[in-house]
């Protein structure tokens, strides 16, 4: 009986550590996305100074081409939504991970919003 209790305890501990490892990985992935969002934020502001408007883009390729960047993040899909006086860059997490389908965004004020609790 003691052996069974020990095995269950070890399995429980290992399972809880795997969840912590997954959260740690999500935090690292999220930090790279925050860095990308800040790069796009600065590029959008330069674009507006040069062109007099913000850029809208449906994907990273269009965003990179028009803003002179080279963001290649395999974990997120990027999209820029813009209006005459504002913009919002939305990054949607790919895959079926802990935060799959969740979004992170930055606005023209530089404020970053994160939907996944593991990213906070």
N, C-alpha and C. Protein backbone atom coordinates (compact mmCIF):
# COMPACT_ATOMS: atom_id res chain seq x y z
N UNK A 1 0.83 -1.19 0.00
CA UNK A 1 0.00 0.00 0.00
C UNK A 1 0.88 1.26 0.00
N UNK A 2 1.92 1.25 0.78
CA UNK A 2 2.83 2.38 0.86
C UNK A 2 3.48 2.65 -0.51
N UNK A 3 3.79 1.59 -1.22
CA UNK A 3 4.40 1.72 -2.55
C UNK A 3 3.41 2.39 -3.51
N UNK A 4 2.16 2.02 -3.44
CA UNK A 4 1.13 2.62 -4.30
C UNK A 4 0.99 4.10 -4.00
N UNK A 5 0.97 4.47 -2.74
CA UNK A 5 0.86 5.87 -2.34
C UNK A 5 2.07 6.66 -2.85
N UNK A 6 3.26 6.06 -2.75
CA UNK A 6 4.46 6.74 -3.23
C UNK A 6 4.41 6.93 -4.75
N UNK A 7 3.97 5.92 -5.47
CA UNK A 7 3.88 6.03 -6.94
C UNK A 7 2.87 7.10 -7.33
N UNK A 8 1.73 7.13 -6.68
CA UNK A 8 0.72 8.15 -6.97
C UNK A 8 1.28 9.54 -6.66
N UNK A 9 1.99 9.66 -5.57
CA UNK A 9 2.60 10.95 -5.22
C UNK A 9 3.62 11.39 -6.25
N UNK A 10 4.44 10.48 -6.70
CA UNK A 10 5.45 10.82 -7.72
C UNK A 10 4.76 11.24 -9.01
N UNK A 11 3.75 10.51 -9.43
CA UNK A 11 3.02 10.86 -10.66
C UNK A 11 2.33 12.22 -10.53
N UNK A 12 1.76 12.49 -9.38
CA UNK A 12 1.11 13.78 -9.15
C UNK A 12 2.13 14.91 -9.22
N UNK A 13 3.27 14.73 -8.58
CA UNK A 13 4.33 15.74 -8.59
C UNK A 13 4.83 15.97 -10.02
N UNK A 14 5.08 14.90 -10.75
CA UNK A 14 5.56 15.02 -12.13
C UNK A 14 4.54 15.74 -12.99
N UNK A 15 3.27 15.43 -12.80
CA UNK A 15 2.21 16.09 -13.57
C UNK A 15 2.12 17.57 -13.27
N UNK A 16 2.30 17.94 -12.02
CA UNK A 16 2.23 19.36 -11.67
C UNK A 16 3.45 20.11 -12.21
N UNK A 17 4.61 19.46 -12.27
CA UNK A 17 5.82 20.10 -12.82
C UNK A 17 5.70 20.27 -14.33
N UNK A 18 5.06 19.34 -15.00
CA UNK A 18 4.90 19.47 -16.45
C UNK A 18 4.05 20.69 -16.77
N UNK A 19 3.02 20.94 -15.99
CA UNK A 19 2.19 22.12 -16.19
C UNK A 19 2.98 23.39 -15.98
N UNK A 20 3.85 23.41 -14.98
CA UNK A 20 4.69 24.57 -14.72
C UNK A 20 5.66 24.79 -15.87
N UNK A 21 6.19 23.72 -16.42
CA UNK A 21 7.09 23.84 -17.56
C UNK A 21 6.40 24.41 -18.78
N UNK A 22 5.17 23.99 -18.99
CA UNK A 22 4.40 24.51 -20.12
C UNK A 22 4.11 26.00 -19.93
N UNK A 23 3.79 26.41 -18.72
CA UNK A 23 3.55 27.84 -18.45
C UNK A 23 4.83 28.63 -18.66
N UNK A 24 5.96 28.07 -18.23
CA UNK A 24 7.24 28.75 -18.42
C UNK A 24 7.55 28.94 -19.89
N UNK A 25 7.28 27.94 -20.68
CA UNK A 25 7.51 28.04 -22.13
C UNK A 25 6.59 29.10 -22.73
N UNK A 26 5.33 29.13 -22.30
CA UNK A 26 4.40 30.15 -22.81
C UNK A 26 4.88 31.56 -22.45
N UNK A 27 5.45 31.72 -21.28
CA UNK A 27 5.98 33.03 -20.87
C UNK A 27 7.10 33.46 -21.80
N UNK A 28 8.00 32.53 -22.14
CA UNK A 28 9.09 32.86 -23.06
C UNK A 28 8.57 33.21 -24.44
N UNK A 29 7.61 32.45 -24.92
CA UNK A 29 7.02 32.73 -26.24
C UNK A 29 6.32 34.08 -26.22
N UNK A 30 5.63 34.38 -25.13
CA UNK A 30 4.93 35.66 -25.01
C UNK A 30 5.90 36.84 -24.99
N UNK A 31 7.05 36.66 -24.35
CA UNK A 31 8.05 37.73 -24.32
C UNK A 31 8.56 38.05 -25.72
N UNK A 32 8.72 37.04 -26.56
CA UNK A 32 9.15 37.30 -27.94
C UNK A 32 8.06 38.03 -28.71
N UNK A 33 6.80 37.72 -28.42
CA UNK A 33 5.70 38.42 -29.06
C UNK A 33 5.63 39.88 -28.62
N UNK A 34 5.83 40.14 -27.34
CA UNK A 34 5.84 41.53 -26.85
C UNK A 34 6.93 42.32 -27.56
N UNK A 35 8.08 41.72 -27.74
CA UNK A 35 9.17 42.38 -28.46
C UNK A 35 8.75 42.69 -29.89
N UNK A 36 8.13 41.73 -30.56
CA UNK A 36 7.65 41.95 -31.93
C UNK A 36 6.60 43.07 -31.98
N UNK A 37 5.69 43.07 -31.01
CA UNK A 37 4.65 44.11 -30.98
C UNK A 37 5.26 45.50 -30.82
N UNK A 38 6.29 45.61 -30.01
CA UNK A 38 6.95 46.91 -29.83
C UNK A 38 7.66 47.36 -31.11
N UNK A 39 8.23 46.41 -31.84
CA UNK A 39 8.86 46.74 -33.12
C UNK A 39 7.80 47.26 -34.10
N UNK A 40 6.66 46.59 -34.17
CA UNK A 40 5.57 47.03 -35.05
C UNK A 40 5.04 48.39 -34.60
N UNK A 41 4.91 48.59 -33.30
CA UNK A 41 4.46 49.87 -32.75
C UNK A 41 5.34 51.01 -33.26
N UNK A 42 6.66 50.84 -33.15
CA UNK A 42 7.59 51.88 -33.61
C UNK A 42 7.52 52.06 -35.13
N UNK A 43 7.41 50.97 -35.86
CA UNK A 43 7.33 51.05 -37.32
C UNK A 43 6.03 51.74 -37.76
N UNK A 44 4.93 51.45 -37.08
CA UNK A 44 3.64 52.10 -37.40
C UNK A 44 3.74 53.60 -37.18
N UNK A 45 4.37 54.01 -36.12
CA UNK A 45 4.51 55.45 -35.86
C UNK A 45 5.40 56.13 -36.89
N UNK A 46 6.46 55.46 -37.33
CA UNK A 46 7.29 56.01 -38.41
C UNK A 46 6.50 56.09 -39.71
N UNK A 47 5.72 55.04 -39.99
CA UNK A 47 4.90 55.00 -41.20
C UNK A 47 3.92 56.18 -41.23
N UNK A 48 3.31 56.45 -40.09
CA UNK A 48 2.34 57.55 -40.02
C UNK A 48 3.02 58.90 -40.25
N UNK A 49 4.22 59.06 -39.72
CA UNK A 49 4.96 60.31 -39.92
C UNK A 49 5.27 60.49 -41.40
N UNK A 50 5.67 59.40 -42.06
CA UNK A 50 6.04 59.48 -43.48
C UNK A 50 4.84 59.57 -44.41
N UNK A 51 3.77 58.79 -44.14
CA UNK A 51 2.63 58.67 -45.07
C UNK A 51 1.39 59.45 -44.63
N UNK A 52 1.37 59.90 -43.39
CA UNK A 52 0.21 60.64 -42.90
C UNK A 52 -0.96 59.76 -42.48
N UNK A 53 -0.76 58.46 -42.40
CA UNK A 53 -1.81 57.53 -41.97
C UNK A 53 -1.17 56.28 -41.42
N UNK A 54 -1.97 55.48 -40.72
CA UNK A 54 -1.49 54.19 -40.23
C UNK A 54 -1.73 53.12 -41.28
N UNK A 55 -0.94 52.08 -41.24
CA UNK A 55 -1.06 50.96 -42.16
C UNK A 55 -2.00 49.90 -41.60
N UNK A 56 -2.81 49.31 -42.47
CA UNK A 56 -3.58 48.11 -42.14
C UNK A 56 -2.93 46.95 -42.87
N UNK A 57 -2.82 45.81 -42.22
CA UNK A 57 -2.22 44.63 -42.85
C UNK A 57 -2.92 43.38 -42.33
N UNK A 58 -3.15 42.43 -43.24
CA UNK A 58 -3.84 41.20 -42.88
C UNK A 58 -2.92 40.09 -42.40
N UNK A 59 -1.62 40.23 -42.65
CA UNK A 59 -0.70 39.18 -42.20
C UNK A 59 0.71 39.75 -42.04
N UNK A 60 1.60 38.92 -41.51
CA UNK A 60 2.97 39.36 -41.23
C UNK A 60 3.73 39.71 -42.50
N UNK A 61 3.48 38.98 -43.60
CA UNK A 61 4.20 39.25 -44.86
C UNK A 61 3.89 40.66 -45.36
N UNK A 62 2.63 41.02 -45.36
CA UNK A 62 2.21 42.36 -45.79
C UNK A 62 2.76 43.43 -44.83
N UNK A 63 2.69 43.13 -43.55
CA UNK A 63 3.19 44.04 -42.53
C UNK A 63 4.70 44.27 -42.72
N UNK A 64 5.45 43.19 -42.88
CA UNK A 64 6.90 43.29 -43.07
C UNK A 64 7.24 44.09 -44.33
N UNK A 65 6.55 43.81 -45.42
CA UNK A 65 6.81 44.48 -46.70
C UNK A 65 6.58 45.98 -46.60
N UNK A 66 5.47 46.38 -46.04
CA UNK A 66 5.10 47.80 -46.02
C UNK A 66 5.77 48.60 -44.90
N UNK A 67 6.21 47.93 -43.85
CA UNK A 67 6.84 48.64 -42.74
C UNK A 67 8.35 48.44 -42.70
N UNK A 68 8.88 47.69 -43.66
CA UNK A 68 10.32 47.48 -43.73
C UNK A 68 10.86 46.66 -42.58
N UNK A 69 10.13 45.61 -42.20
CA UNK A 69 10.53 44.78 -41.07
C UNK A 69 10.75 43.35 -41.54
N UNK A 70 11.18 42.51 -40.62
CA UNK A 70 11.34 41.08 -40.94
C UNK A 70 10.93 40.22 -39.75
N UNK A 71 9.71 40.40 -39.28
CA UNK A 71 9.21 39.60 -38.17
C UNK A 71 8.79 38.23 -38.71
N UNK A 72 9.34 37.18 -38.10
CA UNK A 72 9.03 35.82 -38.50
C UNK A 72 8.80 34.99 -37.24
N UNK A 73 7.67 35.15 -36.64
CA UNK A 73 7.35 34.45 -35.41
C UNK A 73 6.47 33.25 -35.75
N UNK A 74 6.95 32.04 -35.49
CA UNK A 74 6.20 30.84 -35.84
C UNK A 74 5.08 30.52 -34.85
N UNK A 75 5.02 31.26 -33.75
CA UNK A 75 4.02 30.98 -32.73
C UNK A 75 2.78 31.87 -32.81
N UNK A 76 2.83 32.97 -33.57
CA UNK A 76 1.73 33.92 -33.63
C UNK A 76 1.40 34.32 -35.06
N UNK A 77 0.14 34.63 -35.32
CA UNK A 77 -0.31 35.27 -36.56
C UNK A 77 -0.55 36.74 -36.22
N UNK A 78 -0.07 37.64 -37.08
CA UNK A 78 -0.19 39.08 -36.82
C UNK A 78 -1.16 39.73 -37.78
N UNK A 79 -1.81 40.77 -37.29
CA UNK A 79 -2.75 41.55 -38.10
C UNK A 79 -2.76 42.98 -37.55
N UNK A 80 -2.80 43.96 -38.46
CA UNK A 80 -2.89 45.36 -38.03
C UNK A 80 -4.25 45.90 -38.44
N UNK A 81 -4.97 46.44 -37.47
CA UNK A 81 -6.25 47.11 -37.72
C UNK A 81 -6.01 48.59 -37.49
N UNK A 82 -6.39 49.43 -38.46
CA UNK A 82 -6.12 50.85 -38.28
C UNK A 82 -7.29 51.71 -38.71
N UNK A 83 -7.30 52.91 -38.14
CA UNK A 83 -8.25 53.95 -38.49
C UNK A 83 -7.48 55.22 -38.74
N UNK A 84 -8.16 56.33 -38.93
CA UNK A 84 -7.46 57.58 -39.22
C UNK A 84 -6.53 58.04 -38.09
N UNK A 85 -6.90 57.77 -36.85
CA UNK A 85 -6.12 58.27 -35.71
C UNK A 85 -5.60 57.18 -34.77
N UNK A 86 -5.86 55.94 -35.11
CA UNK A 86 -5.44 54.89 -34.19
C UNK A 86 -5.11 53.60 -34.94
N UNK A 87 -4.45 52.71 -34.24
CA UNK A 87 -4.18 51.38 -34.77
C UNK A 87 -4.10 50.39 -33.63
N UNK A 88 -4.25 49.13 -34.00
CA UNK A 88 -4.12 48.04 -33.03
C UNK A 88 -3.46 46.88 -33.76
N UNK A 89 -2.37 46.39 -33.21
CA UNK A 89 -1.70 45.21 -33.76
C UNK A 89 -2.13 44.03 -32.90
N UNK A 90 -2.69 43.01 -33.54
CA UNK A 90 -3.18 41.84 -32.82
C UNK A 90 -2.34 40.63 -33.22
N UNK A 91 -1.83 39.94 -32.23
CA UNK A 91 -1.08 38.69 -32.44
C UNK A 91 -1.90 37.56 -31.84
N UNK A 92 -2.26 36.58 -32.66
CA UNK A 92 -3.05 35.44 -32.21
C UNK A 92 -2.15 34.21 -32.11
N UNK A 93 -2.16 33.57 -30.93
CA UNK A 93 -1.30 32.41 -30.68
C UNK A 93 -1.77 31.24 -31.52
N UNK A 94 -0.86 30.65 -32.28
CA UNK A 94 -1.16 29.48 -33.11
C UNK A 94 -1.15 28.22 -32.25
N UNK A 95 -1.78 27.17 -32.76
CA UNK A 95 -1.66 25.85 -32.16
C UNK A 95 -2.61 25.57 -31.03
N UNK A 96 -2.51 24.36 -30.52
CA UNK A 96 -3.39 23.89 -29.46
C UNK A 96 -2.72 23.90 -28.10
N UNK A 97 -1.82 24.83 -27.89
CA UNK A 97 -1.10 24.89 -26.62
C UNK A 97 -1.98 25.45 -25.52
N UNK A 98 -1.39 25.66 -24.38
CA UNK A 98 -2.08 26.24 -23.22
C UNK A 98 -2.78 27.55 -23.59
N UNK A 99 -2.16 28.35 -24.45
CA UNK A 99 -2.71 29.65 -24.83
C UNK A 99 -3.13 29.70 -26.29
N UNK A 100 -3.28 28.56 -26.94
CA UNK A 100 -3.67 28.52 -28.34
C UNK A 100 -4.96 29.28 -28.61
N UNK A 101 -4.96 30.15 -29.62
CA UNK A 101 -6.13 30.94 -29.96
C UNK A 101 -6.27 32.24 -29.18
N UNK A 102 -5.49 32.41 -28.14
CA UNK A 102 -5.53 33.64 -27.34
C UNK A 102 -4.77 34.75 -28.05
N UNK A 103 -5.13 35.98 -27.74
CA UNK A 103 -4.52 37.12 -28.42
C UNK A 103 -3.76 38.03 -27.47
N UNK A 104 -2.78 38.71 -28.08
CA UNK A 104 -2.03 39.76 -27.42
C UNK A 104 -2.08 40.94 -28.38
N UNK A 105 -2.17 42.16 -27.86
CA UNK A 105 -2.27 43.31 -28.76
C UNK A 105 -1.56 44.53 -28.18
N UNK A 106 -1.26 45.46 -29.09
CA UNK A 106 -0.71 46.76 -28.70
C UNK A 106 -1.46 47.82 -29.50
N UNK A 107 -1.73 48.95 -28.87
CA UNK A 107 -2.44 50.04 -29.52
C UNK A 107 -1.49 51.21 -29.78
N UNK A 108 -2.01 52.25 -30.41
CA UNK A 108 -1.18 53.42 -30.73
C UNK A 108 -0.67 54.12 -29.47
N UNK A 109 -1.24 53.83 -28.31
CA UNK A 109 -0.74 54.42 -27.07
C UNK A 109 0.41 53.62 -26.46
N UNK A 110 0.67 52.43 -27.03
CA UNK A 110 1.73 51.58 -26.51
C UNK A 110 1.25 50.60 -25.45
N UNK A 111 -0.05 50.60 -25.17
CA UNK A 111 -0.61 49.70 -24.15
C UNK A 111 -0.71 48.28 -24.70
N UNK A 112 -0.19 47.32 -23.94
CA UNK A 112 -0.22 45.92 -24.35
C UNK A 112 -1.27 45.18 -23.53
N UNK A 113 -2.14 44.44 -24.23
CA UNK A 113 -3.17 43.62 -23.59
C UNK A 113 -2.88 42.15 -23.87
N UNK A 114 -3.06 41.30 -22.85
CA UNK A 114 -2.78 39.88 -22.97
C UNK A 114 -3.98 39.08 -22.50
N UNK A 115 -4.48 38.18 -23.35
CA UNK A 115 -5.67 37.37 -22.99
C UNK A 115 -5.34 36.13 -22.16
N UNK A 116 -4.18 35.54 -22.36
CA UNK A 116 -3.86 34.29 -21.69
C UNK A 116 -3.30 34.57 -20.28
N UNK A 117 -3.88 33.97 -19.25
CA UNK A 117 -3.38 34.18 -17.89
C UNK A 117 -1.91 33.77 -17.71
N UNK A 118 -1.44 32.81 -18.49
CA UNK A 118 -0.05 32.36 -18.36
C UNK A 118 0.94 33.45 -18.80
N UNK A 119 0.49 34.41 -19.59
CA UNK A 119 1.39 35.47 -20.11
C UNK A 119 1.57 36.60 -19.10
N UNK A 120 0.83 36.63 -18.04
CA UNK A 120 0.89 37.77 -17.11
C UNK A 120 1.93 37.57 -16.05
